[in-house]
């Protein structure tokens, strides 16, 4: 999928600086995971900003950096022929939409459980009930990704980051999964890790 198509389908207001249009091969919020033809989200965290690591991208071609409209573009990149900048009001919102567009899935039902206690137990029991009823279902949370014997992954986060969430959903969809239950942590919801999924 081409970059301009992802931007258009996001339906969000953007300001494009040094416009490039290339086939996107991946999306990342970590500069050390970026490769040629990637979208990099420069997210501002508690102690660091994604732009602090932007020099890591100098060795790659066809890079799109998503940053907030209030962020300044580093001098080294202002005349770059291999980096385009996408300025948006909300970086997390844009990257969430971009992930849903790039990592498409056909899973019919997605359920999220939130709360202080009980998320892990409920998601585990629901997944077990699905198995008993021969329903192709998976759970994503503290216990990792549980889907029959086909996909079992350990997750460091109760709610994986938005990119990994959409990657996992795409993989589950390819394996025939019909339903997914998530543990939705408060920080996961705050950081839009499940956005823009249609949840029940």
Protein backbone atom coordinates (compact mmCIF):
# COMPACT_ATOMS: atom_id res chain seq x y z
CA UNK A 1 0.00 0.00 0.00
CA UNK A 2 1.31 3.44 -0.90
CA UNK A 3 1.91 6.13 1.69
CA UNK A 4 -0.52 8.61 0.13
CA UNK A 5 -3.31 6.00 0.30
CA UNK A 6 -2.74 5.44 4.02
CA UNK A 7 -2.77 9.20 4.64
CA UNK A 8 -5.96 9.64 2.62
CA UNK A 9 -7.78 6.75 4.28
CA UNK A 10 -6.89 8.04 7.75
CA UNK A 11 -9.30 10.95 7.02
CA UNK A 12 -7.28 13.14 9.40
CA UNK A 13 -5.93 16.61 8.71
CA UNK A 14 -2.24 16.47 7.87
CA UNK A 15 0.51 18.78 6.72
CA UNK A 16 3.02 17.06 4.46
CA UNK A 17 6.57 18.39 4.27
CA UNK A 18 8.88 17.08 1.54
CA UNK A 19 6.18 14.77 0.12
CA UNK A 20 7.24 11.31 -1.01
CA UNK A 21 5.02 8.47 -2.16
CA UNK A 22 6.35 4.96 -1.70
CA UNK A 23 5.08 1.48 -0.93
CA UNK A 24 4.98 1.16 2.84
CA UNK A 25 6.60 -2.00 4.20
CA UNK A 26 6.15 -1.40 7.91
CA UNK A 27 5.26 0.92 10.78
CA UNK A 28 7.23 1.45 13.98
CA UNK A 29 7.32 3.55 17.14
CA UNK A 30 10.91 2.43 17.81
CA UNK A 31 13.68 3.99 15.71
CA UNK A 32 15.89 0.89 15.95
CA UNK A 33 13.19 -1.18 14.23
CA UNK A 34 12.82 1.14 11.24
CA UNK A 35 13.90 -0.06 7.81
CA UNK A 36 13.56 1.28 4.26
CA UNK A 37 9.98 2.23 3.32
CA UNK A 38 8.77 2.54 6.92
CA UNK A 39 6.49 4.92 8.77
CA UNK A 40 8.00 6.09 12.06
CA UNK A 41 5.82 7.64 14.75
CA UNK A 42 7.74 10.23 16.78
CA UNK A 43 5.75 9.94 19.99
CA UNK A 44 6.44 12.10 23.02
CA UNK A 45 6.80 9.99 26.16
CA UNK A 46 7.33 10.75 29.81
CA UNK A 47 11.11 11.11 29.62
CA UNK A 48 11.96 10.89 25.90
CA UNK A 49 10.59 12.05 22.58
CA UNK A 50 10.71 9.97 19.41
CA UNK A 51 12.45 12.88 17.72
CA UNK A 52 15.40 12.37 20.08
CA UNK A 53 16.22 9.21 18.12
CA UNK A 54 15.46 10.45 14.63
CA UNK A 55 19.14 10.46 13.60
CA UNK A 56 18.90 6.67 13.60
CA UNK A 57 16.89 7.03 10.38
CA UNK A 58 19.58 8.79 8.34
CA UNK A 59 20.82 5.51 6.84
CA UNK A 60 17.44 4.53 5.42
CA UNK A 61 15.50 5.48 2.29
CA UNK A 62 11.82 6.30 1.91
CA UNK A 63 10.92 7.10 5.49
CA UNK A 64 7.79 8.88 6.68
CA UNK A 65 8.06 10.52 10.09
CA UNK A 66 4.80 11.32 11.85
CA UNK A 67 5.12 14.16 14.33
CA UNK A 68 2.98 16.67 16.15
CA UNK A 69 2.30 20.03 14.50
CA UNK A 70 4.10 21.69 17.40
CA UNK A 71 7.30 19.70 16.90
CA UNK A 72 10.30 21.13 15.07
CA UNK A 73 11.92 19.21 12.24
CA UNK A 74 15.63 18.61 12.98
CA UNK A 75 17.99 20.61 10.74
CA UNK A 76 19.68 17.47 9.38
CA UNK A 77 16.40 16.41 7.77
CA UNK A 78 15.00 19.64 6.38
CA UNK A 79 16.49 19.06 2.92
CA UNK A 80 16.44 15.28 2.96
CA UNK A 81 15.40 13.52 -0.25
CA UNK A 82 14.51 10.30 1.55
CA UNK A 83 12.34 11.49 4.45
CA UNK A 84 8.86 12.96 4.36
CA UNK A 85 7.25 14.52 7.42
CA UNK A 86 3.59 14.16 8.29
CA UNK A 87 2.49 16.74 10.84
CA UNK A 88 -0.73 15.90 12.67
CA UNK A 89 -2.70 17.09 15.70
CA UNK A 90 -2.39 13.74 17.48
CA UNK A 91 0.42 11.32 16.59
CA UNK A 92 -1.10 8.38 18.49
CA UNK A 93 -4.43 8.86 16.75
CA UNK A 94 -2.85 8.96 13.30
CA UNK A 95 -0.63 5.94 13.87
CA UNK A 96 -3.57 3.95 15.26
CA UNK A 97 -5.56 4.62 12.11
CA UNK A 98 -2.54 3.92 9.90
CA UNK A 99 -2.06 0.53 11.59
CA UNK A 100 -5.71 -0.42 11.09
CA UNK A 101 -5.37 0.44 7.40
CA UNK A 102 -2.02 -1.27 6.85
CA UNK A 103 -2.59 -4.39 9.01
CA UNK A 104 -6.12 -5.26 7.95
CA UNK A 105 -8.00 -8.17 9.53
CA UNK A 106 -11.34 -9.92 9.08
CA UNK A 107 -12.02 -10.97 12.69
CA UNK A 108 -15.77 -10.76 13.28
CA UNK A 109 -15.91 -9.93 16.97
CA UNK A 110 -13.50 -8.11 19.26
CA UNK A 111 -14.19 -7.88 22.99
CA UNK A 112 -12.32 -5.77 25.54
CA UNK A 113 -12.30 -6.21 29.31
CA UNK A 114 -11.12 -3.43 31.59
CA UNK A 115 -11.02 -2.89 35.34
CA UNK A 116 -8.63 -3.08 38.28
CA UNK A 117 -8.95 -6.83 38.87
CA UNK A 118 -10.19 -9.90 37.03
CA UNK A 119 -9.22 -9.11 33.45
CA UNK A 120 -6.86 -12.06 33.08
CA UNK A 121 -9.26 -14.59 34.62
CA UNK A 122 -12.23 -13.46 32.55
CA UNK A 123 -10.32 -13.47 29.26
CA UNK A 124 -8.90 -16.92 30.06
CA UNK A 125 -12.32 -18.39 30.88
CA UNK A 126 -14.00 -16.84 27.86
CA UNK A 127 -11.32 -18.29 25.59
CA UNK A 128 -11.76 -21.71 27.20
CA UNK A 129 -15.53 -21.54 26.65
CA UNK A 130 -14.94 -20.71 23.00
CA UNK A 131 -12.68 -23.73 22.65
CA UNK A 132 -15.30 -26.01 24.21
CA UNK A 133 -17.85 -24.71 21.72
CA UNK A 134 -15.41 -25.12 18.80
CA UNK A 135 -15.33 -21.38 18.21
CA UNK A 136 -12.12 -20.03 16.68
CA UNK A 137 -11.23 -17.52 19.38
CA UNK A 138 -8.10 -16.00 20.88
CA UNK A 139 -7.17 -14.01 23.97
CA UNK A 140 -4.61 -11.22 24.21
CA UNK A 141 -3.35 -10.00 27.57
CA UNK A 142 -1.20 -10.81 30.58
CA UNK A 143 -0.86 -14.45 29.50
CA UNK A 144 0.25 -13.34 26.05
CA UNK A 145 -1.55 -14.35 22.87
CA UNK A 146 -3.43 -17.63 23.21
CA UNK A 147 -4.89 -19.20 20.06
CA UNK A 148 -5.22 -22.98 19.98
CA UNK A 149 -1.78 -24.40 19.29
CA UNK A 150 -1.25 -22.23 16.26
CA UNK A 151 -0.16 -18.97 17.85
CA UNK A 152 1.06 -18.61 21.40
CA UNK A 153 3.13 -15.54 22.13
CA UNK A 154 4.40 -13.96 25.33
CA UNK A 155 3.64 -10.27 25.76
CA UNK A 156 5.51 -7.89 28.06
CA UNK A 157 2.46 -5.63 28.24
CA UNK A 158 -1.09 -6.40 29.36
CA UNK A 159 -2.28 -4.54 26.29
CA UNK A 160 0.36 -4.66 23.51
CA UNK A 161 1.29 -1.42 21.77
CA UNK A 162 -0.94 -0.37 18.89
CA UNK A 163 1.38 -1.68 16.17
CA UNK A 164 1.80 -5.13 17.70
CA UNK A 165 -1.93 -5.31 18.39
CA UNK A 166 -2.77 -4.80 14.73
CA UNK A 167 0.02 -7.15 13.61
CA UNK A 168 -1.35 -9.84 15.93
CA UNK A 169 -4.90 -9.34 14.68
CA UNK A 170 -3.75 -9.64 11.07
CA UNK A 171 -1.89 -12.87 11.85
CA UNK A 172 -4.86 -14.31 13.78
CA UNK A 173 -7.14 -13.39 10.89
CA UNK A 174 -4.87 -15.26 8.46
CA UNK A 175 -5.07 -18.32 10.74
CA UNK A 176 -8.87 -18.28 10.67
CA UNK A 177 -9.59 -16.69 14.05
CA UNK A 178 -13.17 -15.39 14.37
CA UNK A 179 -13.22 -13.78 17.84
CA UNK A 180 -10.69 -12.04 20.08
CA UNK A 181 -10.89 -10.96 23.70
CA UNK A 182 -8.47 -8.30 24.96
CA UNK A 183 -7.33 -7.27 28.39
CA UNK A 184 -7.57 -3.50 28.15
CA UNK A 185 -5.33 -1.79 30.70
CA UNK A 186 -6.00 1.82 31.67
CA UNK A 187 -2.72 2.98 30.13
CA UNK A 188 -3.48 0.94 27.01
CA UNK A 189 -6.80 2.74 26.61
CA UNK A 190 -5.21 6.11 27.34
CA UNK A 191 -2.58 5.50 24.64
CA UNK A 192 -5.20 4.34 22.11
CA UNK A 193 -3.60 0.91 21.75
CA UNK A 194 -6.97 -0.59 20.77
CA UNK A 195 -8.07 2.28 18.58
CA UNK A 196 -9.89 2.32 16.14
CA UNK A 197 -11.13 -1.25 16.69
CA UNK A 198 -14.87 -1.79 16.92
CA UNK A 199 -15.25 -3.43 20.33
CA UNK A 200 -18.17 -5.15 22.04
